[in-house]
Amino acid sequence: MHFLITAGGTREYIDPVRFISNASSGRMGYALARAARKAGHNVTLISASDLQPPVGVEFVGVDSAAWMFEAVKNFFAKCDCLIMAAAVSDYTPTRPARTKIKRTGGSLTIKLKPTADILKWAGEHKTEGRGTRHDGRIVVGFALEDKNLRANAEKKLKGKNLDMIIANSPAAIGSERAEVQIKLAGQKWLKLSQTSKPIIARKIISLIENI
């Protein structure tokens, strides 16, 4: 299989030196890339993280949500499975300043607009060029939820036409271990309690192989 995996937190620039981002380290996405490669698959990793790229994968460095979306669209046609492990910003400044914003001592208001929903786009286009629906690409998403974890994750699974959702809490951000709950479309939830991210990654790749 050819896996297309995204990782890291995107940066949405306010001016040339300041940006809005999040605390995602990219570790889960990189662990998935390593696990898929070790399992004998081809891997393209689209990353907004500063981590060292895993050996043997095709690496594409990006920065913003828009840049990541363009990269996903460029590589989507040749992949068999997309795993959106990246923490993509939901909003971006409407009009980034071309020069550094100077401190004035007063309040500053920044107007934001929604970014493109990459995962939704992938769910809508996963069968293009693949014949029947059963020949479509596998699309996997992550859901970071601080309340109603399963309900919100399952809503995302169905609403974005995904094949699998991995749900976790904010406690997973930047950590070496995490508790995740995994659901494949039409199946029951699977819970992995406080497990290292490499082990979680291997389990996810194994589940995808069996779809």
N, C-alpha and C. Protein backbone atom coordinates (compact mmCIF):
# COMPACT_ATOMS: atom_id res chain seq x y z
N MET A 1 0.84 -1.20 0.00
CA MET A 1 0.00 0.00 0.00
C MET A 1 0.87 1.25 0.00
N HIS A 2 0.28 2.33 -0.46
CA HIS A 2 0.96 3.63 -0.38
C HIS A 2 0.20 4.49 0.64
N PHE A 3 0.87 4.81 1.74
CA PHE A 3 0.28 5.63 2.80
C PHE A 3 0.67 7.09 2.61
N LEU A 4 -0.31 7.97 2.72
CA LEU A 4 -0.09 9.41 2.77
C LEU A 4 -0.45 9.85 4.18
N ILE A 5 0.53 10.37 4.91
CA ILE A 5 0.35 10.69 6.33
C ILE A 5 0.70 12.14 6.58
N THR A 6 -0.14 12.85 7.33
CA THR A 6 0.17 14.23 7.71
C THR A 6 0.52 14.29 9.19
N ALA A 7 1.35 15.25 9.56
CA ALA A 7 1.81 15.35 10.95
C ALA A 7 2.12 16.79 11.32
N GLY A 8 2.08 17.07 12.62
CA GLY A 8 2.49 18.37 13.13
C GLY A 8 1.37 19.40 13.15
N GLY A 9 1.64 20.52 13.80
CA GLY A 9 0.68 21.62 13.88
C GLY A 9 1.02 22.70 12.88
N THR A 10 0.04 23.12 12.09
CA THR A 10 0.29 24.16 11.08
C THR A 10 0.46 25.54 11.73
N ARG A 11 1.07 26.43 10.98
CA ARG A 11 1.29 27.82 11.43
C ARG A 11 0.53 28.77 10.52
N GLU A 12 -0.25 29.64 11.13
CA GLU A 12 -1.02 30.64 10.37
C GLU A 12 -0.48 32.02 10.71
N TYR A 13 0.21 32.63 9.77
CA TYR A 13 0.97 33.84 10.06
C TYR A 13 0.09 35.09 10.17
N ILE A 14 0.36 35.85 11.25
CA ILE A 14 -0.27 37.14 11.48
C ILE A 14 0.50 38.22 10.75
N ASP A 15 1.82 38.13 10.83
CA ASP A 15 2.75 39.00 10.10
C ASP A 15 3.97 38.13 9.77
N PRO A 16 5.02 38.67 9.18
CA PRO A 16 6.15 37.81 8.78
C PRO A 16 6.86 37.06 9.91
N VAL A 17 6.66 37.47 11.17
CA VAL A 17 7.38 36.83 12.27
C VAL A 17 6.47 36.20 13.34
N ARG A 18 5.20 36.48 13.31
CA ARG A 18 4.27 35.96 14.32
C ARG A 18 3.22 35.07 13.67
N PHE A 19 2.82 34.04 14.41
CA PHE A 19 1.83 33.12 13.85
C PHE A 19 0.95 32.53 14.94
N ILE A 20 -0.19 31.98 14.52
CA ILE A 20 -1.10 31.22 15.38
C ILE A 20 -0.82 29.75 15.12
N SER A 21 -0.69 28.97 16.18
CA SER A 21 -0.42 27.55 15.99
C SER A 21 -1.02 26.76 17.15
N ASN A 22 -0.54 25.57 17.38
CA ASN A 22 -1.01 24.74 18.48
C ASN A 22 0.16 23.93 19.02
N ALA A 23 -0.08 23.14 20.04
CA ALA A 23 1.00 22.45 20.75
C ALA A 23 1.34 21.07 20.18
N SER A 24 0.80 20.72 19.03
CA SER A 24 1.08 19.41 18.46
C SER A 24 2.57 19.23 18.17
N SER A 25 3.11 18.08 18.59
CA SER A 25 4.54 17.81 18.37
C SER A 25 4.80 17.09 17.06
N GLY A 26 3.78 16.41 16.54
CA GLY A 26 3.96 15.61 15.33
C GLY A 26 4.37 14.17 15.61
N ARG A 27 4.57 13.80 16.89
CA ARG A 27 5.09 12.47 17.22
C ARG A 27 4.19 11.34 16.72
N MET A 28 2.87 11.51 16.81
CA MET A 28 1.97 10.44 16.39
C MET A 28 2.07 10.21 14.89
N GLY A 29 2.08 11.28 14.13
CA GLY A 29 2.20 11.15 12.68
C GLY A 29 3.51 10.50 12.26
N TYR A 30 4.59 10.86 12.94
CA TYR A 30 5.89 10.29 12.62
C TYR A 30 5.95 8.82 13.02
N ALA A 31 5.32 8.47 14.16
CA ALA A 31 5.26 7.08 14.57
C ALA A 31 4.48 6.25 13.55
N LEU A 32 3.42 6.81 13.02
CA LEU A 32 2.64 6.13 11.99
C LEU A 32 3.46 5.93 10.72
N ALA A 33 4.22 6.95 10.34
CA ALA A 33 5.06 6.83 9.15
C ALA A 33 6.10 5.73 9.32
N ARG A 34 6.72 5.68 10.49
CA ARG A 34 7.72 4.63 10.76
C ARG A 34 7.08 3.25 10.75
N ALA A 35 5.92 3.13 11.38
CA ALA A 35 5.24 1.83 11.46
C ALA A 35 4.83 1.33 10.09
N ALA A 36 4.31 2.23 9.26
CA ALA A 36 3.90 1.84 7.91
C ALA A 36 5.11 1.42 7.08
N ARG A 37 6.20 2.16 7.23
CA ARG A 37 7.41 1.83 6.47
C ARG A 37 7.97 0.48 6.91
N LYS A 38 8.02 0.24 8.22
CA LYS A 38 8.54 -1.02 8.75
C LYS A 38 7.67 -2.21 8.34
N ALA A 39 6.39 -1.93 8.08
CA ALA A 39 5.48 -2.99 7.64
C ALA A 39 5.60 -3.25 6.15
N GLY A 40 6.50 -2.53 5.48
CA GLY A 40 6.76 -2.77 4.07
C GLY A 40 6.00 -1.90 3.09
N HIS A 41 5.35 -0.86 3.59
CA HIS A 41 4.56 0.00 2.72
C HIS A 41 5.36 1.22 2.25
N ASN A 42 4.93 1.82 1.16
CA ASN A 42 5.47 3.10 0.72
C ASN A 42 4.79 4.20 1.52
N VAL A 43 5.56 5.21 1.89
CA VAL A 43 5.01 6.26 2.75
C VAL A 43 5.43 7.64 2.24
N THR A 44 4.45 8.52 2.13
CA THR A 44 4.70 9.94 1.90
C THR A 44 4.25 10.68 3.15
N LEU A 45 5.16 11.40 3.78
CA LEU A 45 4.87 12.13 5.01
C LEU A 45 4.84 13.63 4.72
N ILE A 46 3.68 14.23 4.93
CA ILE A 46 3.53 15.69 4.79
C ILE A 46 3.55 16.27 6.19
N SER A 47 4.57 17.06 6.49
CA SER A 47 4.80 17.44 7.88
C SER A 47 4.95 18.94 8.08
N ALA A 48 4.30 19.42 9.17
CA ALA A 48 4.49 20.79 9.64
C ALA A 48 5.27 20.78 10.95
N SER A 49 5.98 19.68 11.21
CA SER A 49 6.74 19.52 12.44
C SER A 49 8.23 19.71 12.16
N ASP A 50 8.98 20.04 13.23
CA ASP A 50 10.44 20.19 13.11
C ASP A 50 11.18 18.89 13.42
N LEU A 51 10.47 17.80 13.62
CA LEU A 51 11.11 16.52 13.92
C LEU A 51 11.91 16.01 12.71
N GLN A 52 12.91 15.17 12.99
CA GLN A 52 13.71 14.57 11.94
C GLN A 52 12.87 13.57 11.16
N PRO A 53 12.81 13.66 9.83
CA PRO A 53 12.00 12.73 9.05
C PRO A 53 12.47 11.28 9.21
N PRO A 54 11.56 10.34 9.29
CA PRO A 54 11.93 8.92 9.39
C PRO A 54 12.68 8.48 8.13
N VAL A 55 13.57 7.52 8.30
CA VAL A 55 14.35 6.99 7.18
C VAL A 55 13.43 6.20 6.25
N GLY A 56 13.60 6.40 4.96
CA GLY A 56 12.89 5.60 3.97
C GLY A 56 11.54 6.12 3.54
N VAL A 57 11.12 7.28 4.06
CA VAL A 57 9.84 7.83 3.64
C VAL A 57 10.06 9.03 2.72
N GLU A 58 9.10 9.28 1.87
CA GLU A 58 9.11 10.48 1.04
C GLU A 58 8.62 11.64 1.91
N PHE A 59 9.44 12.67 2.06
CA PHE A 59 9.13 13.74 3.00
C PHE A 59 8.75 15.03 2.26
N VAL A 60 7.67 15.65 2.71
CA VAL A 60 7.22 16.93 2.15
C VAL A 60 7.00 17.89 3.32
N GLY A 61 7.81 18.90 3.43
CA GLY A 61 7.66 19.88 4.49
C GLY A 61 6.69 20.98 4.11
N VAL A 62 5.79 21.31 5.03
CA VAL A 62 4.82 22.39 4.79
C VAL A 62 4.77 23.28 6.03
N ASP A 63 3.97 24.32 5.94
CA ASP A 63 3.88 25.28 7.03
C ASP A 63 2.43 25.54 7.41
N SER A 64 1.67 26.17 6.54
CA SER A 64 0.30 26.57 6.84
C SER A 64 -0.71 25.50 6.46
N ALA A 65 -1.96 25.71 6.88
CA ALA A 65 -3.05 24.80 6.53
C ALA A 65 -3.26 24.78 5.02
N ALA A 66 -3.19 25.93 4.39
CA ALA A 66 -3.37 26.01 2.94
C ALA A 66 -2.28 25.24 2.21
N TRP A 67 -1.06 25.36 2.69
CA TRP A 67 0.08 24.66 2.10
C TRP A 67 -0.09 23.14 2.27
N MET A 68 -0.55 22.73 3.46
CA MET A 68 -0.78 21.31 3.68
C MET A 68 -1.89 20.78 2.78
N PHE A 69 -2.93 21.56 2.60
CA PHE A 69 -4.03 21.14 1.73
C PHE A 69 -3.55 20.93 0.29
N GLU A 70 -2.74 21.85 -0.20
CA GLU A 70 -2.21 21.71 -1.56
C GLU A 70 -1.35 20.46 -1.69
N ALA A 71 -0.55 20.17 -0.65
CA ALA A 71 0.30 18.99 -0.69
C ALA A 71 -0.55 17.71 -0.66
N VAL A 72 -1.58 17.69 0.17
CA VAL A 72 -2.46 16.52 0.22
C VAL A 72 -3.12 16.30 -1.14
N LYS A 73 -3.62 17.36 -1.76
CA LYS A 73 -4.25 17.22 -3.07
C LYS A 73 -3.26 16.73 -4.12
N ASN A 74 -2.01 17.17 -4.03
CA ASN A 74 -0.99 16.77 -5.00
C ASN A 74 -0.66 15.28 -4.91
N PHE A 75 -0.70 14.70 -3.70
CA PHE A 75 -0.30 13.32 -3.51
C PHE A 75 -1.47 12.35 -3.33
N PHE A 76 -2.67 12.88 -3.20
CA PHE A 76 -3.83 12.05 -2.89
C PHE A 76 -4.12 11.00 -3.96
N ALA A 77 -3.93 11.37 -5.21
CA ALA A 77 -4.28 10.47 -6.32
C ALA A 77 -3.50 9.17 -6.29
N LYS A 78 -2.27 9.20 -5.80
CA LYS A 78 -1.45 7.99 -5.84
C LYS A 78 -1.46 7.20 -4.53
N CYS A 79 -2.17 7.67 -3.53
CA CYS A 79 -2.16 6.96 -2.25
C CYS A 79 -3.31 5.95 -2.17
N ASP A 80 -3.12 4.94 -1.32
CA ASP A 80 -4.18 3.98 -1.02
C ASP A 80 -4.84 4.29 0.31
N CYS A 81 -4.13 5.04 1.15
CA CYS A 81 -4.67 5.40 2.46
C CYS A 81 -4.12 6.75 2.90
N LEU A 82 -5.01 7.63 3.30
CA LEU A 82 -4.62 8.92 3.89
C LEU A 82 -4.89 8.87 5.38
N ILE A 83 -3.87 9.17 6.18
CA ILE A 83 -4.05 9.30 7.63
C ILE A 83 -3.76 10.76 8.00
N MET A 84 -4.81 11.47 8.40
CA MET A 84 -4.67 12.87 8.77
C MET A 84 -4.38 12.98 10.26
N ALA A 85 -3.10 12.81 10.62
CA ALA A 85 -2.68 12.92 12.02
C ALA A 85 -2.27 14.35 12.38
N ALA A 86 -2.17 15.23 11.41
CA ALA A 86 -1.76 16.61 11.67
C ALA A 86 -2.83 17.37 12.44
N ALA A 87 -2.40 18.33 13.24
CA ALA A 87 -3.31 19.24 13.92
C ALA A 87 -3.41 20.50 13.05
N VAL A 88 -4.34 20.48 12.14
CA VAL A 88 -4.48 21.57 11.17
C VAL A 88 -5.29 22.71 11.80
N SER A 89 -4.78 23.91 11.67
CA SER A 89 -5.47 25.07 12.23
C SER A 89 -6.86 25.21 11.62
N ASP A 90 -7.85 25.51 12.45
CA ASP A 90 -9.22 25.69 11.97
C ASP A 90 -9.45 27.09 11.42
N TYR A 91 -8.61 28.04 11.85
CA TYR A 91 -8.76 29.42 11.41
C TYR A 91 -7.41 30.01 11.03
N THR A 92 -7.45 31.01 10.15
CA THR A 92 -6.24 31.70 9.71
C THR A 92 -6.54 33.18 9.58
N PRO A 93 -5.58 34.08 9.80
CA PRO A 93 -5.84 35.51 9.66
C PRO A 93 -6.39 35.87 8.28
N THR A 94 -7.40 36.70 8.27
CA THR A 94 -8.01 37.11 7.00
C THR A 94 -7.03 37.89 6.13
N ARG A 95 -6.30 38.80 6.75
CA ARG A 95 -5.32 39.61 6.01
C ARG A 95 -4.02 39.72 6.80
N PRO A 96 -3.10 38.77 6.61
CA PRO A 96 -1.81 38.86 7.31
C PRO A 96 -1.08 40.14 6.93
N ALA A 97 -0.44 40.76 7.90
CA ALA A 97 0.33 41.98 7.63
C ALA A 97 1.58 41.63 6.83
N ARG A 98 1.93 42.47 5.88
CA ARG A 98 3.11 42.23 5.05
C ARG A 98 4.40 42.59 5.77
N THR A 99 4.30 43.46 6.77
CA THR A 99 5.47 43.83 7.57
C THR A 99 5.15 43.59 9.04
N LYS A 100 6.19 43.54 9.86
CA LYS A 100 6.01 43.27 11.28
C LYS A 100 5.11 44.31 11.93
N ILE A 101 4.12 43.83 12.68
CA ILE A 101 3.20 44.73 13.38
C ILE A 101 3.92 45.34 14.58
N LYS A 102 3.96 46.66 14.64
CA LYS A 102 4.65 47.35 15.72
C LYS A 102 3.79 47.44 16.98
N ARG A 103 4.46 47.37 18.11
CA ARG A 103 3.76 47.52 19.39
C ARG A 103 3.32 48.96 19.57
N THR A 104 2.04 49.16 19.90
CA THR A 104 1.53 50.52 20.08
C THR A 104 1.09 50.78 21.52
N GLY A 105 0.91 49.71 22.30
CA GLY A 105 0.39 49.87 23.66
C GLY A 105 -1.10 49.72 23.74
N GLY A 106 -1.76 49.75 22.57
CA GLY A 106 -3.21 49.60 22.54
C GLY A 106 -3.61 48.17 22.21
N SER A 107 -4.92 47.96 22.16
CA SER A 107 -5.44 46.63 21.83
C SER A 107 -5.25 46.33 20.35
N LEU A 108 -5.18 45.05 20.04
CA LEU A 108 -5.03 44.62 18.66
C LEU A 108 -6.09 43.56 18.36
N THR A 109 -6.85 43.76 17.33
CA THR A 109 -7.87 42.81 16.92
C THR A 109 -7.43 42.12 15.62
N ILE A 110 -7.46 40.81 15.63
CA ILE A 110 -7.08 40.03 14.45
C ILE A 110 -8.31 39.30 13.94
N LYS A 111 -8.70 39.55 12.73
CA LYS A 111 -9.87 38.89 12.14
C LYS A 111 -9.43 37.59 11.50
N LEU A 112 -10.17 36.51 11.82
CA LEU A 112 -9.82 35.19 11.32
C LEU A 112 -10.91 34.68 10.39
N LYS A 113 -10.53 33.78 9.48
CA LYS A 113 -11.47 33.10 8.60
C LYS A 113 -11.20 31.60 8.68
N PRO A 114 -12.20 30.76 8.39
CA PRO A 114 -11.99 29.31 8.46
C PRO A 114 -10.99 28.84 7.40
N THR A 115 -10.22 27.83 7.74
CA THR A 115 -9.34 27.19 6.76
C THR A 115 -10.14 26.09 6.06
N ALA A 116 -9.59 25.56 4.97
CA ALA A 116 -10.25 24.47 4.25
C ALA A 116 -10.25 23.22 5.12
N ASP A 117 -11.31 22.44 5.05
CA ASP A 117 -11.42 21.20 5.80
C ASP A 117 -10.82 20.07 4.95
N ILE A 118 -9.55 19.78 5.18
CA ILE A 118 -8.83 18.81 4.36
C ILE A 118 -9.44 17.42 4.50
N LEU A 119 -9.78 17.03 5.71
CA LEU A 119 -10.31 15.70 5.96
C LEU A 119 -11.66 15.51 5.27
N LYS A 120 -12.51 16.51 5.33
CA LYS A 120 -13.81 16.44 4.66
C LYS A 120 -13.63 16.31 3.16
N TRP A 121 -12.70 17.10 2.61
CA TRP A 121 -12.41 17.02 1.17
C TRP A 121 -11.98 15.61 0.79
N ALA A 122 -11.10 15.02 1.60
CA ALA A 122 -10.60 13.67 1.30
C ALA A 122 -11.74 12.66 1.33
N GLY A 123 -12.62 12.77 2.33
CA GLY A 123 -13.74 11.85 2.41
C GLY A 123 -14.67 11.95 1.22
N GLU A 124 -14.80 13.16 0.70
CA GLU A 124 -15.67 13.38 -0.46
C GLU A 124 -15.05 12.89 -1.77
N HIS A 125 -13.72 12.81 -1.82
CA HIS A 125 -13.03 12.48 -3.07
C HIS A 125 -12.31 11.13 -3.04
N LYS A 126 -12.55 10.32 -2.02
CA LYS A 126 -11.74 9.11 -1.87
C LYS A 126 -11.97 8.05 -2.94
N THR A 127 -13.09 8.12 -3.65
CA THR A 127 -13.34 7.12 -4.69
C THR A 127 -12.95 7.60 -6.09
N GLU A 128 -12.54 8.85 -6.21
CA GLU A 128 -12.24 9.38 -7.55
C GLU A 128 -11.08 8.62 -8.19
N GLY A 129 -11.31 8.15 -9.42
CA GLY A 129 -10.28 7.43 -10.15
C GLY A 129 -10.04 6.04 -9.63
N ARG A 130 -10.95 5.52 -8.77
CA ARG A 130 -10.72 4.22 -8.16
C ARG A 130 -11.82 3.21 -8.48
N GLY A 131 -12.69 3.54 -9.42
CA GLY A 131 -13.75 2.59 -9.78
C GLY A 131 -14.89 2.65 -8.80
N THR A 132 -15.29 1.51 -8.24
CA THR A 132 -16.43 1.45 -7.33
C THR A 132 -16.05 1.98 -5.96
N ARG A 133 -17.04 2.22 -5.13
CA ARG A 133 -16.81 2.72 -3.78
C ARG A 133 -15.91 1.78 -2.98
N HIS A 134 -16.06 0.46 -3.23
CA HIS A 134 -15.27 -0.51 -2.48
C HIS A 134 -13.79 -0.46 -2.86
N ASP A 135 -13.49 0.17 -3.98
CA ASP A 135 -12.09 0.30 -4.40
C ASP A 135 -11.50 1.63 -3.96
N GLY A 136 -12.26 2.41 -3.21
CA GLY A 136 -11.81 3.74 -2.84
C GLY A 136 -10.66 3.73 -1.85
N ARG A 137 -10.04 4.88 -1.72
CA ARG A 137 -8.97 5.03 -0.74
C ARG A 137 -9.52 4.95 0.67
N ILE A 138 -8.67 4.52 1.57
CA ILE A 138 -9.03 4.50 3.00
C ILE A 138 -8.66 5.87 3.57
N VAL A 139 -9.59 6.49 4.26
CA VAL A 139 -9.34 7.81 4.86
C VAL A 139 -9.53 7.71 6.37
N VAL A 140 -8.47 8.08 7.09
CA VAL A 140 -8.44 7.96 8.54
C VAL A 140 -8.24 9.33 9.17
N GLY A 141 -9.04 9.64 10.17
CA GLY A 141 -8.91 10.93 10.84
C GLY A 141 -8.66 10.78 12.33
N PHE A 142 -8.23 11.88 12.95
CA PHE A 142 -8.05 11.96 14.39
C PHE A 142 -9.05 12.97 14.96
N ALA A 143 -9.50 12.73 16.17
CA ALA A 143 -10.40 13.65 16.85
C ALA A 143 -9.87 13.92 18.25
N LEU A 144 -9.47 15.15 18.50
CA LEU A 144 -9.01 15.56 19.83
C LEU A 144 -10.19 16.21 20.53
N GLU A 145 -10.69 15.56 21.57
CA GLU A 145 -11.91 16.01 22.24
C GLU A 145 -11.68 16.13 23.74
N ASP A 146 -12.20 17.21 24.35
CA ASP A 146 -12.09 17.36 25.80
C ASP A 146 -13.40 17.03 26.51
N LYS A 147 -14.45 16.72 25.76
CA LYS A 147 -15.70 16.24 26.34
C LYS A 147 -16.50 15.50 25.27
N ASN A 148 -17.38 14.60 25.72
CA ASN A 148 -18.19 13.80 24.81
C ASN A 148 -17.34 13.18 23.70
N LEU A 149 -16.23 12.56 24.12
CA LEU A 149 -15.22 12.10 23.18
C LEU A 149 -15.78 11.17 22.11
N ARG A 150 -16.44 10.10 22.53
CA ARG A 150 -16.93 9.13 21.54
C ARG A 150 -18.02 9.71 20.65
N ALA A 151 -18.93 10.46 21.24
CA ALA A 151 -20.04 11.02 20.48
C ALA A 151 -19.53 12.00 19.42
N ASN A 152 -18.61 12.88 19.81
CA ASN A 152 -18.09 13.86 18.86
C ASN A 152 -17.23 13.20 17.79
N ALA A 153 -16.44 12.20 18.19
CA ALA A 153 -15.60 11.50 17.23
C ALA A 153 -16.44 10.72 16.22
N GLU A 154 -17.50 10.08 16.71
CA GLU A 154 -18.35 9.31 15.80
C GLU A 154 -19.10 10.22 14.83
N LYS A 155 -19.45 11.40 15.30
CA LYS A 155 -20.08 12.39 14.42
C LYS A 155 -19.12 12.79 13.30
N LYS A 156 -17.85 12.93 13.64
CA LYS A 156 -16.83 13.27 12.64
C LYS A 156 -16.62 12.11 11.67
N LEU A 157 -16.60 10.89 12.19
CA LEU A 157 -16.43 9.69 11.37
C LEU A 157 -17.51 9.62 10.29
N LYS A 158 -18.75 9.82 10.69
CA LYS A 158 -19.87 9.72 9.74
C LYS A 158 -19.98 10.95 8.85
N GLY A 159 -19.85 12.13 9.46
CA GLY A 159 -20.05 13.36 8.72
C GLY A 159 -19.02 13.63 7.64
N LYS A 160 -17.82 13.09 7.84
CA LYS A 160 -16.75 13.32 6.86
C LYS A 160 -16.44 12.08 6.02
N ASN A 161 -17.31 11.07 6.11
CA ASN A 161 -17.20 9.87 5.28
C ASN A 161 -15.85 9.18 5.46
N LEU A 162 -15.47 8.97 6.73
CA LEU A 162 -14.18 8.35 7.03
C LEU A 162 -14.33 6.84 7.19
N ASP A 163 -13.20 6.15 7.13
CA ASP A 163 -13.18 4.70 7.34
C ASP A 163 -12.75 4.35 8.77
N MET A 164 -12.06 5.29 9.41
CA MET A 164 -11.59 5.07 10.77
C MET A 164 -11.38 6.41 11.45
N ILE A 165 -11.66 6.46 12.75
CA ILE A 165 -11.39 7.65 13.55
C ILE A 165 -10.61 7.23 14.79
N ILE A 166 -9.58 8.01 15.14
CA ILE A 166 -8.82 7.78 16.36
C ILE A 166 -9.09 8.97 17.28
N ALA A 167 -9.70 8.71 18.42
CA ALA A 167 -10.07 9.78 19.34
C ALA A 167 -9.15 9.79 20.56
N ASN A 168 -8.75 10.99 20.97
CA ASN A 168 -7.96 11.13 22.19
C ASN A 168 -8.26 12.47 22.84
N SER A 169 -7.66 12.69 24.00
CA SER A 169 -7.90 13.91 24.76
C SER A 169 -6.70 14.85 24.65
N PRO A 170 -6.82 16.10 25.11
CA PRO A 170 -5.68 17.02 25.06
C PRO A 170 -4.44 16.51 25.81
N ALA A 171 -4.60 15.54 26.71
CA ALA A 171 -3.47 15.00 27.46
C ALA A 171 -2.46 14.32 26.53
N ALA A 172 -2.88 13.96 25.33
CA ALA A 172 -1.99 13.27 24.38
C ALA A 172 -1.00 14.23 23.72
N ILE A 173 -1.27 15.53 23.77
CA ILE A 173 -0.44 16.50 23.07
C ILE A 173 0.97 16.52 23.66
N GLY A 174 1.96 16.28 22.81
CA GLY A 174 3.36 16.36 23.22
C GLY A 174 3.86 15.22 24.07
N SER A 175 3.00 14.26 24.41
CA SER A 175 3.40 13.17 25.30
C SER A 175 3.95 11.98 24.51
N GLU A 176 4.69 11.13 25.21
CA GLU A 176 5.23 9.91 24.59
C GLU A 176 4.20 8.79 24.60
N ARG A 177 3.25 8.85 25.54
CA ARG A 177 2.22 7.84 25.67
C ARG A 177 0.85 8.50 25.61
N ALA A 178 -0.15 7.72 25.25
CA ALA A 178 -1.49 8.28 25.16
C ALA A 178 -2.53 7.20 25.33
N GLU A 179 -3.73 7.62 25.70
CA GLU A 179 -4.88 6.74 25.69
C GLU A 179 -5.72 7.12 24.48
N VAL A 180 -5.96 6.17 23.60
CA VAL A 180 -6.75 6.45 22.40
C VAL A 180 -7.90 5.48 22.29
N GLN A 181 -8.92 5.91 21.59
CA GLN A 181 -10.06 5.06 21.29
C GLN A 181 -10.24 5.07 19.77
N ILE A 182 -10.36 3.88 19.21
CA ILE A 182 -10.37 3.73 17.76
C ILE A 182 -11.70 3.12 17.32
N LYS A 183 -12.26 3.69 16.26
CA LYS A 183 -13.50 3.13 15.71
C LYS A 183 -13.41 3.05 14.20
N LEU A 184 -13.64 1.86 13.66
CA LEU A 184 -13.79 1.67 12.24
C LEU A 184 -15.27 1.79 11.90
N ALA A 185 -15.57 2.31 10.72
CA ALA A 185 -16.96 2.48 10.32
C ALA A 185 -17.70 1.16 10.42
N GLY A 186 -18.83 1.18 11.14
CA GLY A 186 -19.66 -0.01 11.28
C GLY A 186 -19.21 -1.00 12.32
N GLN A 187 -18.17 -0.68 13.09
CA GLN A 187 -17.66 -1.60 14.10
C GLN A 187 -17.68 -0.95 15.49
N LYS A 188 -17.37 -1.75 16.50
CA LYS A 188 -17.36 -1.26 17.87
C LYS A 188 -16.07 -0.51 18.18
N TRP A 189 -16.11 0.27 19.25
CA TRP A 189 -14.95 1.02 19.69
C TRP A 189 -13.88 0.08 20.26
N LEU A 190 -12.63 0.43 20.01
CA LEU A 190 -11.48 -0.27 20.58
C LEU A 190 -10.69 0.74 21.41
N LYS A 191 -10.42 0.41 22.68
CA LYS A 191 -9.70 1.32 23.56
C LYS A 191 -8.29 0.82 23.85
N LEU A 192 -7.30 1.70 23.70
CA LEU A 192 -5.92 1.40 24.06
C LEU A 192 -5.55 2.34 25.20
N SER A 193 -5.33 1.79 26.40
CA SER A 193 -5.09 2.61 27.58
C SER A 193 -3.61 2.88 27.79
N GLN A 194 -3.24 4.17 27.87
CA GLN A 194 -1.88 4.63 28.18
C GLN A 194 -0.81 3.74 27.53
N THR A 195 -0.73 3.86 26.24
CA THR A 195 0.19 3.06 25.44
C THR A 195 1.15 3.98 24.71
N SER A 196 2.36 3.51 24.46
CA SER A 196 3.33 4.33 23.74
C SER A 196 2.83 4.60 22.31
N LYS A 197 3.19 5.74 21.78
CA LYS A 197 2.72 6.11 20.44
C LYS A 197 3.22 5.15 19.35
N PRO A 198 4.45 4.61 19.44
CA PRO A 198 4.87 3.62 18.44
C PRO A 198 3.98 2.37 18.45
N ILE A 199 3.55 1.92 19.62
CA ILE A 199 2.68 0.74 19.70
C ILE A 199 1.29 1.08 19.15
N ILE A 200 0.79 2.27 19.48
CA ILE A 200 -0.49 2.72 18.94
C ILE A 200 -0.42 2.77 17.42
N ALA A 201 0.69 3.29 16.90
CA ALA A 201 0.86 3.41 15.45
C ALA A 201 0.84 2.05 14.78
N ARG A 202 1.54 1.08 15.37
CA ARG A 202 1.56 -0.26 14.78
C ARG A 202 0.16 -0.88 14.76
N LYS A 203 -0.62 -0.64 15.82
CA LYS A 203 -1.98 -1.15 15.87
C LYS A 203 -2.84 -0.51 14.79
N ILE A 204 -2.70 0.79 14.61
CA ILE A 204 -3.50 1.49 13.58
C ILE A 204 -3.16 0.97 12.19
N ILE A 205 -1.88 0.81 11.90
CA ILE A 205 -1.48 0.31 10.58
C ILE A 205 -2.01 -1.11 10.37
N SER A 206 -1.96 -1.94 11.40
CA SER A 206 -2.49 -3.30 11.30
C SER A 206 -3.99 -3.30 11.01
N LEU A 207 -4.74 -2.43 11.68
CA LEU A 207 -6.18 -2.35 11.45
C LEU A 207 -6.48 -1.90 10.02
N ILE A 208 -5.69 -0.96 9.52
CA ILE A 208 -5.87 -0.48 8.15
C ILE A 208 -5.58 -1.59 7.15
N GLU A 209 -4.55 -2.35 7.40
CA GLU A 209 -4.20 -3.46 6.49
C GLU A 209 -5.34 -4.46 6.37
N ASN A 210 -6.14 -4.59 7.43
CA ASN A 210 -7.21 -5.58 7.45
C ASN A 210 -8.55 -5.04 6.93
N ILE A 211 -8.59 -3.76 6.58
CA ILE A 211 -9.84 -3.22 6.03
C ILE A 211 -10.08 -3.81 4.64
